[in-house]
Amino acid sequence: MEITLTAKIRIFPTEEQTVLLGETLRAYRDGCNFVSEQVFTNPSIRLMKLHQKTYPALRERFGLRSQMAQSVMKTVLARYKTAKHNGHKPTLIRFKRPEYDLVWNRDYSLRKGLFSVNTLKGRVKVPFTIKGMERYFDGTWLFGTAKLVMKKGKFFLHIPMTKGIPELKDHEIQRVVGVDLGVHFLATVYDDQGKSLFVRGRAMKERRSRFKEVRRQLQRKGTPSARRRLKRIGQRENRWMTDINHTVTKALVSRYGERTLFVLEDLTGVRDATERVWRKDRYETVSWAFYQFRQMLTYKAKQRSSKVIAVPPHYTSQTCPRCGHREKSNRSKKTHTFCCKRCSYRSNDDRIGAMNLFLKGMEYLKTGALPA
């Protein structure tokens, strides 16, 4: 089994190299926009025909080198293919950010502690820092097609790193952990030792409310400066949410170690379900990146020889884990409590959800099939 992660490596070009890299990024972006117009007017065009139609202009008009021109065409076709696969309506795709896709050992390589990067005027060799990324340079990871990006005058290489790891077999699993995701508690965990762990979400919910209020005020103002600030705030909130998801998933994997089965709810379509809440509470309910949390936990678990499965979320907070009785009135959303109408078992409703996910994980190990 292979795992692929993206390492974000900062490079430190000289002033002369900075100018050259900037020119290369802008020429590559402009070339992508030129090719995008050709693809939009002829959606069924193939690579060979696109090459005949755009290659001379990419070389002469935009000054791109041969490999860059080839990369531009593949980048644009891949973007349109992704948009079609995701069900987006046909529209002209614009490339706004100055970015540049580099093929390993063609457009960039690693030589004597320096990255050699192809530009409009040949290769430049630039130093870089690997602080926090040392493990990717131990010789066991394979480099993929990188993306050179410029952000606030700084240059970064986003490099996909691939490594083969042994796949964990179900019979090798030694521990099962149920993880219930929510708003009141970001994560509620129940393990095979009968112990529970709560990651409180109240402070995060309040901060999201503040983001919402600032966004509302800026949208009402509607000036160009307000729109620019609105964009910055959105990026800041996304970075904050990503950091929390990284922190929590890393802590879970470190806490439970190897050969652990993490059981989560499959929250696909959760936005449609939660749109029925009160409008004033809607943003806080739907804005958390649950899918990102699942992705991060999945790849971190793989690195530690563990596994993540997602099961249907139906009735996990309404079913008694003791007697199996299911009833909507078992759960009080207002007080976040659970009380079984049959056996009177009482607990926190999020903990009940984690317990039922744990039981579904045990069922999975017995039957080898995901619970319905």
Protein backbone atom coordinates (compact mmCIF):
# COMPACT_ATOMS: atom_id res chain seq x y z
CA MET A 1 0.00 0.00 0.00
CA GLU A 2 1.24 3.48 -0.88
CA ILE A 3 0.69 6.73 0.96
CA THR A 4 1.15 10.14 -0.66
CA LEU A 5 1.63 13.35 1.30
CA THR A 6 2.52 16.87 0.20
CA ALA A 7 5.65 18.46 1.62
CA LYS A 8 5.73 22.26 1.49
CA ILE A 9 9.38 23.24 1.12
CA ARG A 10 10.49 26.87 1.17
CA ILE A 11 13.30 27.79 -1.21
CA PHE A 12 15.60 30.82 -0.94
CA PRO A 13 16.52 32.22 -4.37
CA THR A 14 18.88 35.16 -4.80
CA GLU A 15 17.50 38.53 -5.97
CA GLU A 16 18.38 37.70 -9.57
CA GLN A 17 16.82 34.24 -9.26
CA THR A 18 13.71 35.76 -7.64
CA VAL A 19 13.11 37.96 -10.68
CA LEU A 20 13.64 35.02 -13.04
CA LEU A 21 11.33 32.71 -11.09
CA GLY A 22 8.67 35.43 -10.99
CA GLU A 23 8.84 35.88 -14.75
CA THR A 24 8.60 32.11 -15.24
CA LEU A 25 5.56 31.80 -12.99
CA ARG A 26 3.72 34.63 -14.76
CA ALA A 27 4.55 33.29 -18.22
CA TYR A 28 3.35 29.82 -17.19
CA ARG A 29 0.10 31.26 -15.80
CA ASP A 30 -0.52 33.32 -18.95
CA GLY A 31 0.15 30.24 -21.06
CA CYS A 32 -2.39 28.27 -19.02
CA ASN A 33 -5.04 30.95 -19.58
CA PHE A 34 -4.32 30.95 -23.31
CA VAL A 35 -4.68 27.16 -23.54
CA SER A 36 -7.75 27.26 -21.29
CA GLU A 37 -9.55 29.46 -23.83
CA GLN A 38 -8.80 26.92 -26.56
CA VAL A 39 -10.07 24.02 -24.48
CA PHE A 40 -13.22 25.89 -23.45
CA THR A 41 -14.18 26.56 -27.07
CA ASN A 42 -13.47 22.93 -27.99
CA PRO A 43 -14.17 20.72 -24.91
CA SER A 44 -13.60 17.44 -26.77
CA ILE A 45 -10.09 18.35 -27.95
CA ARG A 46 -7.35 15.81 -27.31
CA LEU A 47 -3.77 16.41 -26.23
CA MET A 48 -2.26 15.78 -29.66
CA LYS A 49 -4.64 18.20 -31.40
CA LEU A 50 -4.19 20.73 -28.61
CA HIS A 51 -0.43 20.44 -29.04
CA GLN A 52 -0.68 21.26 -32.74
CA LYS A 53 -2.91 24.25 -32.04
CA THR A 54 -1.12 25.87 -29.08
CA TYR A 55 2.49 24.67 -28.95
CA PRO A 56 3.96 27.27 -31.39
CA ALA A 57 2.25 30.15 -29.54
CA LEU A 58 3.36 28.86 -26.14
CA ARG A 59 6.95 28.81 -27.36
CA GLU A 60 7.03 32.07 -29.30
CA ARG A 61 4.42 34.29 -27.67
CA PHE A 62 4.99 33.32 -24.05
CA GLY A 63 8.63 32.24 -24.27
CA LEU A 64 8.04 28.89 -22.59
CA ARG A 65 10.61 26.15 -22.97
CA SER A 66 9.57 22.87 -24.59
CA GLN A 67 8.90 20.94 -21.37
CA MET A 68 7.01 23.89 -19.88
CA ALA A 69 4.71 24.07 -22.91
CA GLN A 70 3.93 20.37 -22.57
CA SER A 71 3.24 20.81 -18.88
CA VAL A 72 0.89 23.76 -19.50
CA MET A 73 -1.32 21.69 -21.80
CA LYS A 74 -1.49 18.77 -19.37
CA THR A 75 -2.23 21.09 -16.45
CA VAL A 76 -5.15 22.74 -18.25
CA LEU A 77 -6.65 19.48 -19.48
CA ALA A 78 -6.39 18.00 -15.99
CA ARG A 79 -8.19 21.03 -14.50
CA TYR A 80 -11.09 20.70 -16.94
CA LYS A 81 -11.26 16.96 -16.38
CA THR A 82 -11.47 17.48 -12.62
CA ALA A 83 -14.21 20.10 -13.00
CA LYS A 84 -16.24 17.74 -15.18
CA HIS A 85 -15.73 14.84 -12.76
CA ASN A 86 -16.95 17.02 -9.87
CA GLY A 87 -20.11 17.86 -11.78
CA HIS A 88 -19.39 21.56 -12.29
CA LYS A 89 -21.16 23.41 -15.06
CA PRO A 90 -18.98 24.08 -18.15
CA THR A 91 -17.26 27.42 -17.68
CA LEU A 92 -14.02 29.09 -18.69
CA ILE A 93 -11.36 28.22 -16.12
CA ARG A 94 -9.07 31.11 -15.27
CA PHE A 95 -5.63 30.68 -13.71
CA LYS A 96 -5.14 33.65 -11.39
CA ARG A 97 -2.29 32.66 -9.11
CA PRO A 98 1.26 32.48 -10.49
CA GLU A 99 2.03 28.77 -10.25
CA TYR A 100 4.21 26.34 -12.17
CA ASP A 101 4.01 22.53 -12.34
CA LEU A 102 7.42 20.83 -12.37
CA VAL A 103 8.06 17.22 -13.33
CA TRP A 104 10.62 15.42 -11.16
CA ASN A 105 14.01 14.98 -12.85
CA ARG A 106 12.82 17.05 -15.83
CA ASP A 107 11.83 20.45 -14.47
CA TYR A 108 13.37 20.10 -11.04
CA SER A 109 15.83 17.84 -9.28
CA LEU A 110 17.90 17.64 -6.12
CA ARG A 111 21.66 17.99 -6.51
CA LYS A 112 24.21 18.40 -3.72
CA GLY A 113 21.78 19.89 -1.23
CA LEU A 114 20.22 22.32 -3.74
CA PHE A 115 17.04 22.24 -5.81
CA SER A 116 17.69 22.70 -9.53
CA VAL A 117 14.64 24.40 -11.05
CA ASN A 118 13.97 24.97 -14.74
CA THR A 119 13.16 28.59 -15.74
CA LEU A 120 12.65 30.58 -18.93
CA LYS A 121 16.41 31.08 -19.14
CA GLY A 122 17.69 27.72 -18.01
CA ARG A 123 18.13 26.09 -14.63
CA VAL A 124 18.81 27.83 -11.34
CA LYS A 125 20.08 26.15 -8.19
CA VAL A 126 18.48 27.35 -4.98
CA PRO A 127 18.93 26.39 -1.31
CA PHE A 128 15.96 25.32 0.80
CA THR A 129 14.97 24.48 4.36
CA ILE A 130 13.58 21.13 5.52
CA LYS A 131 12.80 22.04 9.13
CA GLY A 132 10.03 19.68 10.20
CA MET A 133 10.29 17.82 6.87
CA GLU A 134 13.46 15.83 7.53
CA ARG A 135 11.72 12.45 7.22
CA TYR A 136 10.89 13.09 3.55
CA PHE A 137 14.58 13.27 2.67
CA ASP A 138 15.69 9.96 4.21
CA GLY A 139 15.73 8.21 0.83
CA THR A 140 12.53 6.18 1.33
CA TRP A 141 10.11 8.69 -0.25
CA LEU A 142 9.60 9.17 -4.01
CA PHE A 143 9.24 12.72 -5.35
CA GLY A 144 6.29 13.52 -7.66
CA THR A 145 5.25 16.43 -9.88
CA ALA A 146 5.71 19.52 -7.73
CA LYS A 147 4.05 22.91 -7.83
CA LEU A 148 6.14 26.07 -7.50
CA VAL A 149 4.12 28.84 -5.85
CA MET A 150 4.86 32.38 -4.75
CA LYS A 151 3.11 33.82 -1.71
CA LYS A 152 3.85 37.26 -0.32
CA GLY A 153 7.19 37.36 -2.08
CA LYS A 154 8.25 33.93 -0.78
CA PHE A 155 8.71 30.83 -2.93
CA PHE A 156 7.58 27.33 -2.00
CA LEU A 157 7.76 23.92 -3.63
CA HIS A 158 4.70 21.77 -2.92
CA ILE A 159 6.05 18.27 -3.54
CA PRO A 160 3.92 15.08 -3.45
CA MET A 161 5.87 12.44 -1.55
CA THR A 162 4.99 8.75 -2.01
CA LYS A 163 6.09 5.85 0.15
CA GLY A 164 5.14 2.20 0.26
CA ILE A 165 3.97 0.96 3.66
CA PRO A 166 2.70 -2.46 4.78
CA GLU A 167 -1.10 -2.65 4.80
CA LEU A 168 -2.68 -3.42 8.16
CA LYS A 169 -4.79 -6.60 8.02
CA ASP A 170 -8.01 -6.77 9.99
CA HIS A 171 -6.79 -9.74 12.05
CA GLU A 172 -3.79 -7.65 13.17
CA ILE A 173 -5.96 -4.94 14.78
CA GLN A 174 -5.55 -4.86 18.55
CA ARG A 175 -7.69 -1.87 19.54
CA VAL A 176 -10.95 -0.27 18.43
CA VAL A 177 -11.76 3.40 19.00
CA GLY A 178 -15.05 5.15 18.21
CA VAL A 179 -14.75 8.85 17.30
CA ASP A 180 -17.92 10.97 17.21
CA LEU A 181 -17.53 14.41 15.57
CA GLY A 182 -19.72 17.34 16.47
CA VAL A 183 -20.03 21.01 17.38
CA HIS A 184 -20.42 21.06 21.18
CA PHE A 185 -17.50 18.63 21.36
CA LEU A 186 -15.26 18.64 18.31
CA ALA A 187 -14.45 14.97 18.95
CA THR A 188 -15.75 12.50 21.51
CA VAL A 189 -13.77 9.27 21.80
CA TYR A 190 -14.61 5.89 23.34
CA ASP A 191 -12.10 3.02 23.38
CA ASP A 192 -12.02 -0.68 24.19
CA GLN A 193 -10.91 0.05 27.75
CA GLY A 194 -14.20 1.82 28.43
CA LYS A 195 -12.47 5.20 28.66
CA SER A 196 -13.82 8.37 27.10
CA LEU A 197 -12.07 11.46 25.80
CA PHE A 198 -13.77 14.80 25.05
CA VAL A 199 -12.25 17.50 22.83
CA ARG A 200 -14.24 20.58 23.74
CA GLY A 201 -15.56 22.70 20.91
CA ARG A 202 -17.22 25.63 22.70
CA ALA A 203 -14.27 28.01 22.25
CA MET A 204 -14.03 27.03 18.58
CA LYS A 205 -17.75 27.59 18.08
CA GLU A 206 -17.50 31.04 19.65
CA ARG A 207 -14.57 31.96 17.43
CA ARG A 208 -16.50 30.85 14.35
CA SER A 209 -19.35 33.07 15.50
CA ARG A 210 -16.96 36.02 15.66
CA PHE A 211 -15.71 35.25 12.15
CA LYS A 212 -19.33 35.15 10.98
CA GLU A 213 -20.14 38.51 12.56
CA VAL A 214 -17.08 40.22 11.04
CA ARG A 215 -17.93 38.71 7.67
CA ARG A 216 -21.52 39.96 7.93
CA GLN A 217 -20.34 43.51 8.67
CA LEU A 218 -17.89 43.49 5.77
CA GLN A 219 -20.48 42.12 3.36
CA ARG A 220 -22.87 44.87 4.40
CA LYS A 221 -20.18 47.50 3.82
CA GLY A 222 -19.41 46.20 0.33
CA THR A 223 -16.40 48.43 -0.46
CA PRO A 224 -13.35 47.13 -2.38
CA SER A 225 -11.24 47.23 0.80
CA ALA A 226 -13.99 45.34 2.66
CA ARG A 227 -14.01 42.64 -0.02
CA ARG A 228 -10.24 42.30 0.19
CA ARG A 229 -10.41 41.96 3.95
CA LEU A 230 -13.25 39.48 3.60
CA LYS A 231 -11.01 37.28 1.48
CA ARG A 232 -8.15 37.51 4.00
CA ILE A 233 -10.46 36.60 6.87
CA GLY A 234 -11.71 33.55 4.99
CA GLN A 235 -8.15 32.38 4.39
CA ARG A 236 -7.27 32.98 8.04
CA GLU A 237 -10.26 30.96 9.24
CA ASN A 238 -9.37 28.08 6.89
CA ARG A 239 -5.79 28.01 8.17
CA TRP A 240 -7.04 28.02 11.77
CA MET A 241 -9.47 25.15 11.15
CA THR A 242 -6.80 23.15 9.34
CA ASP A 243 -4.37 23.63 12.22
CA ILE A 244 -6.91 22.39 14.78
CA ASN A 245 -7.74 19.34 12.68
CA HIS A 246 -4.03 18.57 12.36
CA THR A 247 -3.50 18.93 16.10
CA VAL A 248 -6.45 16.77 17.15
CA THR A 249 -5.84 13.97 14.63
CA LYS A 250 -2.15 13.86 15.50
CA ALA A 251 -3.00 13.61 19.20
CA LEU A 252 -5.45 10.75 18.60
CA VAL A 253 -2.99 8.72 16.55
CA SER A 254 -0.21 9.31 19.11
CA ARG A 255 -2.50 8.41 22.02
CA TYR A 256 -3.69 5.05 20.65
CA GLY A 257 -0.62 3.99 18.70
CA GLU A 258 -0.26 1.18 16.18
CA ARG A 259 -2.80 -1.46 15.13
CA THR A 260 -5.78 0.69 16.06
CA LEU A 261 -9.09 0.78 14.19
CA PHE A 262 -10.63 4.26 14.29
CA VAL A 263 -14.37 4.27 13.52
CA LEU A 264 -15.96 7.53 12.31
CA GLU A 265 -19.34 8.49 10.95
CA ASP A 266 -19.61 8.91 7.19
CA LEU A 267 -20.76 12.54 7.19
CA THR A 268 -21.13 12.82 3.42
CA GLY A 269 -24.07 15.14 2.81
CA VAL A 270 -24.05 16.48 6.36
CA ARG A 271 -24.55 20.03 5.01
CA ASP A 272 -27.90 19.08 3.47
CA ALA A 273 -29.01 17.52 6.73
CA THR A 274 -27.94 20.44 8.91
CA GLU A 275 -29.43 23.14 6.68
CA ARG A 276 -32.68 22.54 8.57
CA VAL A 277 -31.32 24.09 11.78
CA TRP A 278 -32.14 27.65 12.82
CA ARG A 279 -30.60 30.20 10.46
CA LYS A 280 -28.74 31.95 13.29
CA ASP A 281 -26.97 28.66 14.17
CA ARG A 282 -26.51 27.39 10.61
CA TYR A 283 -22.98 28.70 9.97
CA GLU A 284 -21.51 27.26 13.19
CA THR A 285 -23.14 23.91 12.40
CA VAL A 286 -22.02 23.47 8.79
CA SER A 287 -18.70 25.31 8.68
CA TRP A 288 -16.42 22.79 10.36
CA ALA A 289 -14.24 20.72 8.02
CA PHE A 290 -15.31 17.21 9.09
CA TYR A 291 -14.18 15.62 5.83
CA GLN A 292 -10.76 17.21 6.21
CA PHE A 293 -10.59 15.77 9.74
CA ARG A 294 -11.33 12.31 8.35
CA GLN A 295 -8.70 12.65 5.60
CA MET A 296 -6.04 13.75 8.08
CA LEU A 297 -6.84 10.98 10.54
CA THR A 298 -6.76 8.44 7.70
CA TYR A 299 -3.28 9.25 6.42
CA LYS A 300 -1.84 9.74 9.91
CA ALA A 301 -3.27 6.36 10.94
CA LYS A 302 -1.73 4.70 7.89
CA GLN A 303 1.66 6.08 8.83
CA ARG A 304 1.31 4.48 12.27
CA SER A 305 0.10 1.10 10.94
CA SER A 306 -3.50 1.81 11.92
CA LYS A 307 -6.76 2.05 10.00
CA VAL A 308 -9.83 4.31 9.65
CA ILE A 309 -13.29 3.24 8.52
CA ALA A 310 -16.43 5.37 8.08
CA VAL A 311 -19.85 3.88 8.87
CA PRO A 312 -23.39 5.21 8.33
CA PRO A 313 -24.27 7.76 11.03
CA HIS A 314 -27.96 6.89 11.34
CA TYR A 315 -29.29 6.67 14.92
CA THR A 316 -25.85 6.54 16.58
CA SER A 317 -26.99 9.08 19.19
CA GLN A 318 -30.49 7.62 19.61
CA THR A 319 -29.60 3.96 20.18
CA CYS A 320 -28.80 2.65 23.65
CA PRO A 321 -25.40 0.88 23.62
CA ARG A 322 -26.47 -1.25 26.60
CA CYS A 323 -29.83 -2.71 25.55
CA GLY A 324 -30.02 -1.67 21.88
CA HIS A 325 -33.30 0.22 22.25
CA ARG A 326 -33.67 2.96 19.64
CA GLU A 327 -35.97 5.88 20.14
CA LYS A 328 -35.77 9.54 19.15
CA SER A 329 -36.81 10.69 22.63
CA ASN A 330 -33.84 8.87 24.15
CA ARG A 331 -31.75 11.90 23.27
CA SER A 332 -32.18 15.50 24.36
CA LYS A 333 -30.32 17.83 22.01
CA LYS A 334 -31.06 20.79 24.24
CA THR A 335 -29.25 19.37 27.29
CA HIS A 336 -26.83 17.10 25.33
CA THR A 337 -27.94 14.09 27.37
CA PHE A 338 -29.10 10.56 26.64
CA CYS A 339 -31.53 8.54 28.74
CA CYS A 340 -32.75 5.17 27.49
CA LYS A 341 -36.53 4.82 27.83
CA ARG A 342 -36.19 1.06 28.33
CA CYS A 343 -33.20 0.46 30.64
CA SER A 344 -32.70 4.05 31.92
CA TYR A 345 -29.01 4.13 30.97
CA ARG A 346 -27.84 7.76 31.08
CA SER A 347 -24.83 9.51 29.58
CA ASN A 348 -23.70 12.39 27.37
CA ASP A 349 -25.28 12.09 23.91
CA ASP A 350 -21.94 12.53 22.09
CA ARG A 351 -20.40 9.80 24.26
CA ILE A 352 -23.31 7.54 23.31
CA GLY A 353 -22.50 8.20 19.65
CA ALA A 354 -18.84 7.27 20.20
CA MET A 355 -19.87 4.09 22.07
CA ASN A 356 -22.13 3.00 19.21
CA LEU A 357 -19.36 3.70 16.70
CA PHE A 358 -17.07 1.53 18.82
CA LEU A 359 -19.67 -1.27 18.70
CA LYS A 360 -19.92 -0.93 14.92
CA GLY A 361 -16.13 -1.28 14.76
CA MET A 362 -16.30 -4.50 16.77
CA GLU A 363 -19.04 -5.76 14.44
CA TYR A 364 -16.83 -4.93 11.45
CA LEU A 365 -13.97 -7.03 12.87
CA LYS A 366 -16.32 -9.99 13.42
CA THR A 367 -18.07 -9.93 10.03
CA GLY A 368 -15.48 -8.27 7.80
CA ALA A 369 -18.18 -6.02 6.32
CA LEU A 370 -19.06 -2.41 7.06
CA PRO A 371 -22.22 -2.15 9.20
CA ALA A 372 -25.30 -0.88 7.38
